[in-house]
C-alpha atoms as a PDB file:
ATOM      1  CA  MET A   1     159.640  79.424  47.460  1.00  0.00           C
ATOM      2  CA  LYS A   2     161.537  76.198  46.908  1.00  0.00           C
ATOM      3  CA  LEU A   3     163.209  75.299  43.609  1.00  0.00           C
ATOM      4  CA  PHE A   4     164.205  71.734  42.775  1.00  0.00           C
ATOM      5  CA  TYR A   5     166.247  70.985  39.648  1.00  0.00           C
ATOM      6  CA  TYR A   6     167.160  67.532  38.395  1.00  0.00           C
ATOM      7  CA  SER A   7     168.957  66.651  35.156  1.00  0.00           C
ATOM      8  CA  SER A   8     170.039  63.204  33.987  1.00  0.00           C
ATOM      9  CA  GLY A   9     170.674  62.428  30.334  1.00  0.00           C
ATOM     10  CA  THR A  10     167.666  63.628  28.420  1.00  0.00           C
ATOM     11  CA  ILE A  11     165.480  64.058  31.485  1.00  0.00           C
ATOM     12  CA  PHE A  12     164.797  67.660  32.406  1.00  0.00           C
ATOM     13  CA  LEU A  13     162.503  68.305  35.347  1.00  0.00           C
ATOM     14  CA  LEU A  14     161.778  71.681  36.895  1.00  0.00           C
ATOM     15  CA  ILE A  15     159.450  71.872  39.867  1.00  0.00           C
ATOM     16  CA  ILE A  16     158.508  75.112  41.546  1.00  0.00           C
ATOM     17  CA  PHE A  17     156.643  75.045  44.838  1.00  0.00           C
ATOM     18  CA  VAL A  18     154.841  78.254  45.733  1.00  0.00           C
ATOM     19  CA  HIS A  19     153.437  78.425  49.227  1.00  0.00           C
ATOM     20  CA  ILE A  20     150.374  80.591  48.986  1.00  0.00           C
ATOM     21  CA  GLN A  21     150.173  80.983  52.718  1.00  0.00           C
ATOM     22  CA  HIS A  22     153.681  82.426  52.738  1.00  0.00           C
ATOM     23  CA  VAL A  23     152.747  84.865  50.001  1.00  0.00           C
ATOM     24  CA  ARG A  24     149.644  85.926  51.808  1.00  0.00           C
ATOM     25  CA  SER A  25     151.588  86.501  54.968  1.00  0.00           C
ATOM     26  CA  GLU A  26     153.440  89.232  53.061  1.00  0.00           C
ATOM     27  CA  LYS A  27     150.302  91.151  52.185  1.00  0.00           C
ATOM     28  CA  ALA A  28     150.652  94.680  53.411  1.00  0.00           C
ATOM     29  CA  ILE A  29     147.328  96.327  52.641  1.00  0.00           C
ATOM     30  CA  LEU A  30     144.107  95.406  54.413  1.00  0.00           C
ATOM     31  CA  GLN A  31     140.650  96.891  54.463  1.00  0.00           C
ATOM     32  CA  ALA A  32     140.428  99.681  56.989  1.00  0.00           C
ATOM     33  CA  GLY A  33     137.618 100.188  59.458  1.00  0.00           C
ATOM     34  CA  ARG A  34     134.678 102.487  58.852  1.00  0.00           C
ATOM     35  CA  ILE A  35     134.355 105.784  60.678  1.00  0.00           C
ATOM     36  CA  THR A  36     130.880 107.202  61.313  1.00  0.00           C
ATOM     37  CA  ALA A  37     129.589 110.430  62.801  1.00  0.00           C
ATOM     38  CA  ASP A  38     126.361 112.388  63.090  1.00  0.00           C
ATOM     39  CA  ALA A  39     125.789 114.749  60.196  1.00  0.00           C
ATOM     40  CA  LEU A  40     124.733 117.579  62.517  1.00  0.00           C
ATOM     41  CA  LEU A  41     125.891 118.034  66.098  1.00  0.00           C
ATOM     42  CA  THR A  42     124.191 120.833  68.000  1.00  0.00           C
ATOM     43  CA  SER A  43     125.584 120.401  71.491  1.00  0.00           C
ATOM     44  CA  THR A  44     128.987 121.986  70.958  1.00  0.00           C
ATOM     45  CA  LEU A  45     128.100 125.644  70.278  1.00  0.00           C
ATOM     46  CA  ASN A  46     129.271 127.774  73.194  1.00  0.00           C
ATOM     47  CA  VAL A  47     127.051 130.818  73.785  1.00  0.00           C
ATOM     48  CA  THR A  48     127.949 132.770  76.923  1.00  0.00           C
ATOM     49  CA  ARG A  49     125.800 135.682  78.154  1.00  0.00           C
ATOM     50  CA  HIS A  50     125.485 136.977  81.707  1.00  0.00           C
ATOM     51  CA  ILE A  51     123.573 139.916  83.224  1.00  0.00           C
ATOM     52  CA  GLU A  52     124.228 141.258  86.700  1.00  0.00           C
ATOM     53  CA  SER A  53     123.207 144.198  88.922  1.00  0.00           C
ATOM     54  CA  PRO A  54     125.451 145.801  91.556  1.00  0.00           C
ATOM     55  CA  ILE A  55     125.048 144.779  95.170  1.00  0.00           C
ATOM     56  CA  LYS A  56     123.473 147.151  97.692  1.00  0.00           C
ATOM     57  CA  ALA A  57     125.506 149.352 100.039  1.00  0.00           C
ATOM     58  CA  LEU A  58     124.990 151.542 103.100  1.00  0.00           C
ATOM     59  CA  PRO A  59     126.997 154.833 102.893  1.00  0.00           C
ATOM     60  CA  LEU A  60     129.425 155.472 105.729  1.00  0.00           C
ATOM     61  CA  ARG A  61     131.054 158.804 106.534  1.00  0.00           C
ATOM     62  CA  GLU A  62     134.544 158.486 107.898  1.00  0.00           C
ATOM     63  CA  SER A  63     136.230 160.766 110.446  1.00  0.00           C
ATOM     64  CA  LYS A  64     138.075 162.761 107.776  1.00  0.00           C
ATOM     65  CA  GLY A  65     135.382 165.406 107.689  1.00  0.00           C
ATOM     66  CA  ARG A  66     132.262 166.390 105.876  1.00  0.00           C
ATOM     67  CA  TRP A  67     134.022 166.790 102.516  1.00  0.00           C
ATOM     68  CA  GLY A  68     135.555 163.300 102.552  1.00  0.00           C
ATOM     69  CA  LYS A  69     134.302 160.521 100.245  1.00  0.00           C
ATOM     70  CA  LEU A  70     131.892 158.023 101.759  1.00  0.00           C
ATOM     71  CA  SER A  71     132.796 154.396 102.326  1.00  0.00           C
ATOM     72  CA  CYS A  72     130.424 151.481 101.593  1.00  0.00           C
ATOM     73  CA  LEU A  73     129.002 148.991 104.077  1.00  0.00           C
ATOM     74  CA  SER A  74     127.858 145.775 102.392  1.00  0.00           C
ATOM     75  CA  GLU A  75     125.036 143.528 103.614  1.00  0.00           C
ATOM     76  CA  ASP A  76     127.523 141.034 105.046  1.00  0.00           C
ATOM     77  CA  GLY A  77     129.030 143.767 107.253  1.00  0.00           C
ATOM     78  CA  THR A  78     132.175 144.346 105.190  1.00  0.00           C
ATOM     79  CA  ILE A  79     133.362 147.953 104.853  1.00  0.00           C
ATOM     80  CA  ARG A  80     134.863 148.977 101.519  1.00  0.00           C
ATOM     81  CA  ARG A  81     136.793 152.232 101.126  1.00  0.00           C
ATOM     82  CA  HIS A  82     135.942 154.658  98.353  1.00  0.00           C
ATOM     83  CA  GLY A  83     137.552 153.415  95.128  1.00  0.00           C
ATOM     84  CA  GLU A  84     138.198 149.878  96.419  1.00  0.00           C
ATOM     85  CA  GLU A  85     137.639 147.222  93.722  1.00  0.00           C
ATOM     86  CA  PHE A  86     136.554 143.629  94.374  1.00  0.00           C
ATOM     87  CA  ILE A  87     134.348 140.766  93.162  1.00  0.00           C
ATOM     88  CA  PRO A  88     131.588 140.037  95.692  1.00  0.00           C
ATOM     89  CA  GLU A  89     131.039 136.473  96.781  1.00  0.00           C
ATOM     90  CA  GLY A  90     128.605 134.725  94.451  1.00  0.00           C
ATOM     91  CA  LYS A  91     129.005 137.371  91.735  1.00  0.00           C
ATOM     92  CA  GLU A  92     130.928 137.453  88.446  1.00  0.00           C
ATOM     93  CA  PHE A  93     131.591 141.143  87.833  1.00  0.00           C
ATOM     94  CA  TRP A  94     134.028 143.609  89.321  1.00  0.00           C
ATOM     95  CA  HIS A  95     132.515 146.119  91.775  1.00  0.00           C
ATOM     96  CA  ALA A  96     133.878 149.328  93.305  1.00  0.00           C
ATOM     97  CA  CYS A  97     132.776 151.568  96.160  1.00  0.00           C
ATOM     98  CA  ASP A  98     131.857 154.976  94.729  1.00  0.00           C
ATOM     99  CA  ASN A  99     131.161 157.495  97.459  1.00  0.00           C
ATOM    100  CA  GLY A 100     128.845 155.246  99.448  1.00  0.00           C
ATOM    101  CA  ASN A 101     127.405 153.177  96.556  1.00  0.00           C
ATOM    102  CA  PHE A 102     128.562 150.015  94.830  1.00  0.00           C
ATOM    103  CA  LYS A 103     128.947 150.146  91.061  1.00  0.00           C
ATOM    104  CA  ILE A 104     129.959 147.538  88.497  1.00  0.00           C
ATOM    105  CA  ILE A 105     133.085 148.756  86.752  1.00  0.00           C
ATOM    106  CA  ALA A 106     134.110 145.699  84.681  1.00  0.00           C
ATOM    107  CA  CYS A 107     133.118 142.199  83.615  1.00  0.00           C
ATOM    108  CA  ARG A 108     135.114 139.094  84.317  1.00  0.00           C
ATOM    109  CA  GLY A 109     135.579 136.933  81.229  1.00  0.00           C
ATOM    110  CA  SER A 110     134.972 133.208  80.966  1.00  0.00           C
ATOM    111  CA  ILE A 111     137.547 130.499  81.451  1.00  0.00           C
ATOM    112  CA  LYS A 112     138.119 130.545  77.676  1.00  0.00           C
ATOM    113  CA  SER A 113     139.206 134.199  77.955  1.00  0.00           C
ATOM    114  CA  GLY A 114     141.498 133.438  80.868  1.00  0.00           C
ATOM    115  CA  ARG A 115     139.165 135.261  83.296  1.00  0.00           C
ATOM    116  CA  THR A 116     140.255 138.537  81.754  1.00  0.00           C
ATOM    117  CA  LYS A 117     139.033 141.822  83.291  1.00  0.00           C
ATOM    118  CA  ILE A 118     136.977 143.618  80.626  1.00  0.00           C
ATOM    119  CA  PRO A 119     136.269 147.338  81.293  1.00  0.00           C
ATOM    120  CA  LEU A 120     132.684 148.560  81.142  1.00  0.00           C
ATOM    121  CA  ASP A 121     131.467 149.426  77.625  1.00  0.00           C
ATOM    122  CA  SER A 122     134.448 147.866  75.891  1.00  0.00           C
ATOM    123  CA  THR A 123     135.251 144.982  73.537  1.00  0.00           C
ATOM    124  CA  ILE A 124     138.502 143.081  73.627  1.00  0.00           C
ATOM    125  CA  TYR A 125     139.910 140.331  71.375  1.00  0.00           C
ATOM    126  CA  ILE A 126     141.771 137.301  72.654  1.00  0.00           C
ATOM    127  CA  SER A 127     143.115 134.712  70.198  1.00  0.00           C
ATOM    128  CA  GLY A 128     140.835 136.162  67.532  1.00  0.00           C
ATOM    129  CA  PHE A 129     137.591 135.942  69.543  1.00  0.00           C
ATOM    130  CA  TRP A 130     135.712 138.958  70.907  1.00  0.00           C
ATOM    131  CA  TYR A 131     134.491 139.560  74.469  1.00  0.00           C
ATOM    132  CA  LYS A 132     132.193 142.438  75.497  1.00  0.00           C
ATOM    133  CA  CYS A 133     131.096 144.183  78.698  1.00  0.00           C
ATOM    134  CA  ILE A 134     127.963 146.289  78.067  1.00  0.00           C
ATOM    135  CA  ASP A 135     126.268 148.892  80.317  1.00  0.00           C
ATOM    136  CA  ARG A 136     122.544 148.407  79.683  1.00  0.00           C
ATOM    137  CA  GLU A 137     121.811 151.823  81.297  1.00  0.00           C
ATOM    138  CA  ASN A 138     119.101 150.365  83.502  1.00  0.00           C
ATOM    139  CA  GLY A 139     121.340 149.461  86.389  1.00  0.00           C
ATOM    140  CA  GLU A 140     122.357 146.165  84.760  1.00  0.00           C
ATOM    141  CA  VAL A 141     125.588 145.095  83.084  1.00  0.00           C
ATOM    142  CA  GLU A 142     125.755 142.375  80.433  1.00  0.00           C
ATOM    143  CA  TYR A 143     128.696 140.177  79.455  1.00  0.00           C
ATOM    144  CA  GLN A 144     128.856 138.602  75.987  1.00  0.00           C
ATOM    145  CA  GLU A 145     131.438 136.557  74.144  1.00  0.00           C
ATOM    146  CA  GLU A 146     131.589 135.342  70.572  1.00  0.00           C
ATOM    147  CA  PRO A 147     129.704 132.055  70.009  1.00  0.00           C
ATOM    148  CA  THR A 148     132.124 129.289  69.051  1.00  0.00           C
ATOM    149  CA  CYS A 149     132.243 125.626  68.142  1.00  0.00           C
ATOM    150  CA  GLU A 150     134.519 123.614  70.390  1.00  0.00           C
ATOM    151  CA  ILE A 151     136.135 120.534  68.854  1.00  0.00           C
ATOM    152  CA  GLY A 152     139.128 118.802  70.376  1.00  0.00           C
ATOM    153  CA  ASN A 153     139.784 121.619  72.885  1.00  0.00           C
ATOM    154  CA  ARG A 154     139.883 124.144  70.040  1.00  0.00           C
ATOM    155  CA  HIS A 155     137.366 126.909  69.364  1.00  0.00           C
ATOM    156  CA  TYR A 156     136.132 127.934  65.916  1.00  0.00           C
ATOM    157  CA  HIS A 157     134.241 130.975  64.632  1.00  0.00           C
ATOM    158  CA  ASP A 158     130.760 130.787  63.175  1.00  0.00           C
ATOM    159  CA  GLY A 159     131.283 129.956  59.488  1.00  0.00           C
ATOM    160  CA  ASP A 160     134.725 128.404  59.956  1.00  0.00           C
ATOM    161  CA  PHE A 161     135.509 125.178  58.096  1.00  0.00           C
ATOM    162  CA  ILE A 162     136.971 122.381  60.208  1.00  0.00           C
ATOM    163  CA  ASN A 163     138.791 119.247  59.046  1.00  0.00           C
ATOM    164  CA  THR A 164     139.188 116.503  61.618  1.00  0.00           C
ATOM    165  CA  GLY A 165     138.894 112.718  61.743  1.00  0.00           C
ATOM    166  CA  GLY A 166     138.337 112.405  57.986  1.00  0.00           C
ATOM    167  CA  PHE A 167     135.313 114.740  58.047  1.00  0.00           C
ATOM    168  CA  ARG A 168     134.817 118.287  56.757  1.00  0.00           C
ATOM    169  CA  MET A 169     132.683 120.376  59.092  1.00  0.00           C
ATOM    170  CA  GLN A 170     131.441 123.932  59.317  1.00  0.00           C
ATOM    171  CA  CYS A 171     130.677 125.892  62.459  1.00  0.00           C
ATOM    172  CA  THR A 172     127.056 127.095  62.323  1.00  0.00           C
ATOM    173  CA  PRO A 173     124.807 129.000  64.761  1.00  0.00           C
ATOM    174  CA  SER A 174     123.386 125.638  65.895  1.00  0.00           C
ATOM    175  CA  GLY A 175     126.698 123.821  66.227  1.00  0.00           C
ATOM    176  CA  HIS A 176     129.179 122.236  63.861  1.00  0.00           C
ATOM    177  CA  ALA A 177     127.669 120.440  60.873  1.00  0.00           C
ATOM    178  CA  ILE A 178     129.412 117.728  58.856  1.00  0.00           C
ATOM    179  CA  ILE A 179     129.317 118.694  55.183  1.00  0.00           C
ATOM    180  CA  GLY A 180     131.734 116.207  53.606  1.00  0.00           C
ATOM    181  CA  CYS A 181     134.976 114.291  53.983  1.00  0.00           C
ATOM    182  CA  TYR A 182     138.654 114.738  53.170  1.00  0.00           C
ATOM    183  CA  TYR A 183     141.785 112.697  52.625  1.00  0.00           C
ATOM    184  CA  LYS A 184     145.477 113.533  52.679  1.00  0.00           C
ATOM    185  CA  ASP A 185     147.716 113.308  49.634  1.00  0.00           C
ATOM    186  CA  GLY A 186     151.392 112.393  49.673  1.00  0.00           C
ATOM    187  CA  ASN A 187     152.354 115.915  50.784  1.00  0.00           C
ATOM    188  CA  GLY A 188     149.911 115.902  53.678  1.00  0.00           C
ATOM    189  CA  THR A 189     147.526 118.314  51.931  1.00  0.00           C
ATOM    190  CA  LYS A 190     143.877 117.760  52.831  1.00  0.00           C
ATOM    191  CA  ILE A 191     141.774 117.149  49.700  1.00  0.00           C
ATOM    192  CA  SER A 192     138.034 117.843  50.030  1.00  0.00           C
ATOM    193  CA  MET A 193     135.387 115.238  49.161  1.00  0.00           C
ATOM    194  CA  ASN A 194     131.638 115.704  48.799  1.00  0.00           C
ATOM    195  CA  PRO A 195     128.994 113.147  49.823  1.00  0.00           C
ATOM    196  CA  GLY A 196     128.859 110.409  47.197  1.00  0.00           C
ATOM    197  CA  ASP A 197     132.462 110.864  46.061  1.00  0.00           C
ATOM    198  CA  LYS A 198     134.603 107.791  45.442  1.00  0.00           C
ATOM    199  CA  ILE A 199     138.296 108.407  44.871  1.00  0.00           C
ATOM    200  CA  THR A 200     141.150 106.000  44.224  1.00  0.00           C
ATOM    201  CA  TYR A 201     144.482 107.354  45.414  1.00  0.00           C
ATOM    202  CA  ASN A 202     147.761 105.471  45.680  1.00  0.00           C
ATOM    203  CA  GLY A 203     146.061 102.083  45.666  1.00  0.00           C
ATOM    204  CA  THR A 204     143.418 103.119  48.193  1.00  0.00           C
ATOM    205  CA  VAL A 205     139.690 103.501  47.524  1.00  0.00           C
ATOM    206  CA  ILE A 206     138.227 106.339  49.603  1.00  0.00           C
ATOM    207  CA  LEU A 207     134.457 106.651  50.038  1.00  0.00           C
ATOM    208  CA  CYS A 208     132.379 109.523  51.425  1.00  0.00           C
ATOM    209  CA  ARG A 209     128.677 108.713  51.855  1.00  0.00           C
ATOM    210  CA  GLN A 210     125.688 110.265  53.569  1.00  0.00           C
ATOM    211  CA  VAL A 211     122.736 108.156  54.688  1.00  0.00           C
ATOM    212  CA  ARG A 212     120.003 110.347  56.151  1.00  0.00           C
ATOM    213  CA  ASN A 213     121.594 112.161  59.096  1.00  0.00           C
ATOM    214  CA  LYS A 214     124.746 110.042  59.157  1.00  0.00           C
ATOM    215  CA  PHE A 215     128.015 110.431  57.306  1.00  0.00           C
ATOM    216  CA  PHE A 216     130.294 107.502  56.488  1.00  0.00           C
ATOM    217  CA  PHE A 217     133.986 107.886  55.735  1.00  0.00           C
ATOM    218  CA  GLN A 218     135.643 104.663  54.605  1.00  0.00           C
ATOM    219  CA  THR A 219     139.044 103.757  53.236  1.00  0.00           C
ATOM    220  CA  MET A 220     139.716 100.422  51.620  1.00  0.00           C
ATOM    221  CA  GLU A 221     143.182  99.447  50.496  1.00  0.00           C
ATOM    222  CA  THR A 222     142.869  97.563  47.217  1.00  0.00           C
ATOM    223  CA  GLY A 223     146.489  97.478  46.138  1.00  0.00           C
ATOM    224  CA  CYS A 224     149.096  94.858  47.006  1.00  0.00           C
ATOM    225  CA  ARG A 225     152.701  95.373  48.038  1.00  0.00           C
ATOM    226  CA  ARG A 226     155.368  92.825  47.174  1.00  0.00           C
ATOM    227  CA  ASP A 227     159.135  93.137  46.907  1.00  0.00           C
ATOM    228  CA  GLY A 228     158.931  96.887  47.455  1.00  0.00           C
ATOM    229  CA  LYS A 229     156.448  97.467  44.629  1.00  0.00           C
ATOM    230  CA  VAL A 230     152.773  98.427  44.793  1.00  0.00           C
ATOM    231  CA  TYR A 231     150.358  96.600  42.472  1.00  0.00           C
ATOM    232  CA  ASN A 232     146.858  97.868  41.703  1.00  0.00           C
ATOM    233  CA  ASN A 233     143.718  95.813  42.122  1.00  0.00           C
ATOM    234  CA  ASP A 234     143.326  93.244  39.288  1.00  0.00           C
ATOM    235  CA  GLU A 235     146.927  93.825  38.202  1.00  0.00           C
ATOM    236  CA  ILE A 236     148.746  90.676  37.038  1.00  0.00           C
ATOM    237  CA  TRP A 237     152.493  90.050  37.055  1.00  0.00           C
ATOM    238  CA  VAL A 238     154.861  87.139  36.522  1.00  0.00           C
ATOM    239  CA  LYS A 239     157.776  86.011  38.616  1.00  0.00           C
ATOM    240  CA  GLY A 240     159.635  82.958  37.407  1.00  0.00           C
ATOM    241  CA  ASN A 241     157.007  80.562  36.073  1.00  0.00           C
ATOM    242  CA  ILE A 242     154.238  81.735  38.377  1.00  0.00           C
ATOM    243  CA  VAL A 243     151.513  84.265  37.506  1.00  0.00           C
ATOM    244  CA  PHE A 244     150.300  86.415  40.395  1.00  0.00           C
ATOM    245  CA  LYS A 245     147.219  88.624  40.658  1.00  0.00           C
ATOM    246  CA  CYS A 246     146.307  91.353  43.129  1.00  0.00           C
ATOM    247  CA  GLU A 247     142.744  90.859  44.339  1.00  0.00           C
ATOM    248  CA  PHE A 248     141.569  93.419  46.905  1.00  0.00           C
ATOM    249  CA  GLY A 249     144.718  93.409  48.976  1.00  0.00           C
ATOM    250  CA  LEU A 250     145.493  89.693  48.615  1.00  0.00           C
ATOM    251  CA  ILE A 251     148.141  88.215  46.339  1.00  0.00           C
ATOM    252  CA  ASN A 252     146.821  85.092  44.642  1.00  0.00           C
ATOM    253  CA  ILE A 253     148.355  82.640  42.157  1.00  0.00           C
ATOM    254  CA  VAL A 254     146.131  82.350  39.099  1.00  0.00           C
ATOM    255  CA  ALA A 255     148.286  80.548  36.504  1.00  0.00           C
ATOM    256  CA  CYS A 256     151.676  79.233  35.471  1.00  0.00           C
ATOM    257  CA  GLN A 257     153.734  80.413  32.504  1.00  0.00           C
ATOM    258  CA  THR A 258     156.099  78.508  30.250  1.00  0.00           C
ATOM    259  CA  GLY A 259     159.478  79.796  29.208  1.00  0.00           C
ATOM    260  CA  ASP A 260     158.105  81.130  25.919  1.00  0.00           C
ATOM    261  CA  GLY A 261     155.304  83.038  27.647  1.00  0.00           C
ATOM    262  CA  GLN A 262     152.386  80.655  27.165  1.00  0.00           C
ATOM    263  CA  ARG A 263     150.097  80.582  30.168  1.00  0.00           C
ATOM    264  CA  LEU A 264     148.077  77.741  31.586  1.00  0.00           C
ATOM    265  CA  SER A 265     145.586  78.243  34.373  1.00  0.00           C
ATOM    266  CA  VAL A 266     145.860  76.320  37.601  1.00  0.00           C
ATOM    267  CA  GLY A 267     144.624  72.768  37.033  1.00  0.00           C
ATOM    268  CA  ASN A 268     145.539  72.603  33.335  1.00  0.00           C
ATOM    269  CA  ARG A 269     148.333  71.020  31.266  1.00  0.00           C
ATOM    270  CA  ILE A 270     149.683  71.600  27.774  1.00  0.00           C
ATOM    271  CA  VAL A 271     152.068  69.705  25.478  1.00  0.00           C
ATOM    272  CA  GLN A 272     154.599  71.609  23.398  1.00  0.00           C
ATOM    273  CA  ASP A 273     156.698  70.204  20.551  1.00  0.00           C
ATOM    274  CA  LYS A 274     154.914  66.847  21.049  1.00  0.00           C
ATOM    275  CA  HIS A 275     157.255  65.753  23.835  1.00  0.00           C
ATOM    276  CA  THR A 276     157.359  68.561  26.435  1.00  0.00           C
ATOM    277  CA  LEU A 277     154.647  68.484  29.084  1.00  0.00           C
ATOM    278  CA  HIS A 278     153.801  71.532  31.186  1.00  0.00           C
ATOM    279  CA  THR A 279     151.446  71.189  34.138  1.00  0.00           C
ATOM    280  CA  CYS A 280     150.102  73.721  36.618  1.00  0.00           C
ATOM    281  CA  THR A 281     148.395  72.049  39.546  1.00  0.00           C
ATOM    282  CA  ARG A 282     147.111  73.151  42.916  1.00  0.00           C
ATOM    283  CA  GLU A 283     148.076  70.400  45.316  1.00  0.00           C
ATOM    284  CA  ASN A 284     146.117  71.915  48.184  1.00  0.00           C
ATOM    285  CA  ASP A 285     145.116  75.319  49.444  1.00  0.00           C
ATOM    286  CA  ARG A 286     148.759  76.051  50.191  1.00  0.00           C
ATOM    287  CA  VAL A 287     150.783  74.765  47.260  1.00  0.00           C
ATOM    288  CA  VAL A 288     150.727  75.322  43.492  1.00  0.00           C
ATOM    289  CA  ARG A 289     153.179  73.292  41.441  1.00  0.00           C
ATOM    290  CA  TYR A 290     154.525  74.013  37.962  1.00  0.00           C
ATOM    291  CA  THR A 291     156.202  71.076  36.218  1.00  0.00           C
ATOM    292  CA  MET A 292     157.995  70.771  32.881  1.00  0.00           C
ATOM    293  CA  SER A 293     158.986  67.242  31.817  1.00  0.00           C
ATOM    294  CA  THR A 294     159.691  65.016  28.790  1.00  0.00           C
ATOM    295  CA  CYS A 295     156.831  62.798  27.645  1.00  0.00           C
ATOM    296  CA  GLY A 296     155.798  60.526  24.764  1.00  0.00           C
ATOM    297  CA  LYS A 297     159.272  59.195  23.954  1.00  0.00           C
ATOM    298  CA  PRO A 298     160.472  55.649  24.510  1.00  0.00           C
ATOM    299  CA  ASN A 299     160.930  54.909  28.218  1.00  0.00           C
ATOM    300  CA  PHE A 300     159.103  58.124  29.152  1.00  0.00           C
ATOM    301  CA  PRO A 301     155.549  58.548  30.423  1.00  0.00           C
ATOM    302  CA  ALA A 302     152.752  59.222  27.982  1.00  0.00           C
ATOM    303  CA  CYS A 303     151.853  62.842  27.384  1.00  0.00           C
ATOM    304  CA  GLU A 304     148.177  62.187  28.093  1.00  0.00           C
ATOM    305  CA  PRO A 305     147.182  61.142  31.615  1.00  0.00           C
ATOM    306  CA  THR A 306     146.168  57.507  32.163  1.00  0.00           C
ATOM    307  CA  ALA A 307     143.187  56.466  34.206  1.00  0.00           C
ATOM    308  CA  ILE A 308     144.121  55.708  37.782  1.00  0.00           C
ATOM    309  CA  GLU A 309     141.709  53.948  40.098  1.00  0.00           C
ATOM    310  CA  PRO A 310     140.991  56.390  42.874  1.00  0.00           C
ATOM    311  CA  PRO A 311     141.713  55.131  46.365  1.00  0.00           C
ATOM    312  CA  GLN A 312     138.813  54.268  48.608  1.00  0.00           C
ATOM    313  CA  ILE A 313     137.996  56.903  51.107  1.00  0.00           C
ATOM    314  CA  ASN A 314     136.001  57.093  54.278  1.00  0.00           C
ATOM    315  CA  LEU A 315     136.597  53.437  55.193  1.00  0.00           C
ATOM    316  CA  GLU A 316     135.141  52.472  58.513  1.00  0.00           C
ATOM    317  CA  THR A 317     138.032  52.178  60.903  1.00  0.00           C
ATOM    318  CA  GLY A 318     138.446  48.726  62.427  1.00  0.00           C
ATOM    319  CA  ASP A 319     135.894  47.165  60.036  1.00  0.00           C
ATOM    320  CA  THR A 320     138.430  45.545  57.648  1.00  0.00           C
ATOM    321  CA  LYS A 321     139.971  43.368  60.378  1.00  0.00           C
ATOM    322  CA  GLU A 322     136.564  42.086  61.401  1.00  0.00           C
ATOM    323  CA  LEU A 323     135.610  41.301  57.797  1.00  0.00           C
ATOM    324  CA  ASN A 324     138.815  39.323  57.241  1.00  0.00           C
ATOM    325  CA  GLU A 325     138.020  37.191  60.268  1.00  0.00           C
ATOM    326  CA  HIS A 326     134.699  36.193  58.702  1.00  0.00           C
ATOM    327  CA  ALA A 327     135.978  35.835  55.127  1.00  0.00           C
ATOM    328  CA  GLU A 328     136.701  32.100  55.431  1.00  0.00           C
ATOM    329  CA  GLN A 329     133.344  31.438  57.084  1.00  0.00           C
ATOM    330  CA  LEU A 330     131.585  33.385  54.336  1.00  0.00           C
ATOM    331  CA  LYS A 331     133.491  31.446  51.659  1.00  0.00           C
ATOM    332  CA  GLU A 332     132.461  28.084  53.133  1.00  0.00           C
ATOM    333  CA  LYS A 333     128.888  29.160  53.815  1.00  0.00           C
ATOM    334  CA  LEU A 334     128.349  30.440  50.279  1.00  0.00           C
ATOM    335  CA  LYS A 335     130.741  27.947  48.642  1.00  0.00           C
ATOM    336  CA  ILE A 336     132.702  30.679  46.877  1.00  0.00           C
ATOM    337  CA  PRO A 337     135.968  29.546  45.204  1.00  0.00           C
ATOM    338  CA  THR A 338     139.170  30.995  46.674  1.00  0.00           C
ATOM    339  CA  SER A 339     140.062  32.641  43.340  1.00  0.00           C
ATOM    340  CA  ASP A 340     136.730  34.479  43.365  1.00  0.00           C
ATOM    341  CA  MET A 341     137.095  35.523  46.994  1.00  0.00           C
ATOM    342  CA  ARG A 342     140.235  37.451  46.073  1.00  0.00           C
ATOM    343  CA  LEU A 343     138.115  39.583  43.713  1.00  0.00           C
ATOM    344  CA  ILE A 344     135.692  40.638  46.417  1.00  0.00           C
ATOM    345  CA  GLY A 345     136.661  43.954  47.954  1.00  0.00           C
ATOM    346  CA  ALA A 346     135.773  45.501  51.279  1.00  0.00           C
ATOM    347  CA  ALA A 347     132.435  46.803  50.017  1.00  0.00           C
ATOM    348  CA  GLY A 348     131.460  43.331  48.810  1.00  0.00           C
ATOM    349  CA  LEU A 349     132.429  41.764  52.116  1.00  0.00           C
ATOM    350  CA  ARG A 350     130.256  44.282  53.956  1.00  0.00           C
ATOM    351  CA  PHE A 351     127.338  43.412  51.703  1.00  0.00           C
ATOM    352  CA  LEU A 352     127.790  39.676  52.268  1.00  0.00           C
ATOM    353  CA  LYS A 353     128.137  40.187  55.979  1.00  0.00           C
ATOM    354  CA  SER A 354     124.886  42.144  56.145  1.00  0.00           C
ATOM    355  CA  SER A 355     123.062  39.538  54.004  1.00  0.00           C
ATOM    356  CA  VAL A 356     124.265  36.323  55.690  1.00  0.00           C
ATOM    357  CA  VAL A 357     124.240  35.440  59.368  1.00  0.00           C
ATOM    358  CA  VAL A 358     127.349  33.357  59.824  1.00  0.00           C
ATOM    359  CA  GLY A 359     126.986  30.088  61.814  1.00  0.00           C
ATOM    360  CA  LYS A 360     123.356  29.368  60.872  1.00  0.00           C
END
């Protein structure tokens, strides 16, 4: 902002230039982007179930005598001593040689469990999730683990509520379903929103919408920040002789204000006390000027504007020089007095030129 002050005798002139572009460059709040997601995602539910039978073995009697326990010979030719535990190649469960026969004695958990060894007919809990190893009593062993929803490398129980990315979700048997949105208050607490909710918080409009199977979470900053203060949308304030207004994140100049509080919109002028003229003009898209000056007194301009002939615009470049060269020939051809020629402007010369072929 530039302020020019000039005082001489009874002349008092105050001009304030406000550069709108400079003001707008200070805007701090812009419309944020929209975030979208499917309302129901079914590909993230982890259900792990595995059934396995023990491998076959050929009993082997060792040289310790008839009362010794038998070893086990596997199909690949490997000999396992009685009681030896191992995981066969291509299998998931723990086996052991039991007096000439292979038996499954434990399940091996998934990567999520850390490949934990789970004893037969037992349930263990790791990080709140259960893992089971079940003897089906038909020669088969089954491994089960709790179904979970995996989001961002984290696992959630069926029925758990999940807040991430502006969306509220719930883990269901078919995956995690989006059920609403949320926003954070000044303390970082997540505040729930239902589809269709529209909340204004701290100068921000927050929208949560559902269109068929899509959810939309949108934030739009409508306030304006200036000089360390936040102004709400449509809020008006005055600084100096300029009236500002916050309009969806942009600070605009909407009027000027006199010293006694009277406002005049941009483009208007008022006269106070018969001899004080106030004007509020927008010179271009960058500058608004407020002026207070003396008018209507002797040796001062009139308070009402006088008609001023507007300048010609859009003149054809280079045409005036050519017309002047033919002016004398046109005057002689048409026998126009010199005094009258001075009254003919550029438009008249063009008309004469187009109507008369000089030299014929």
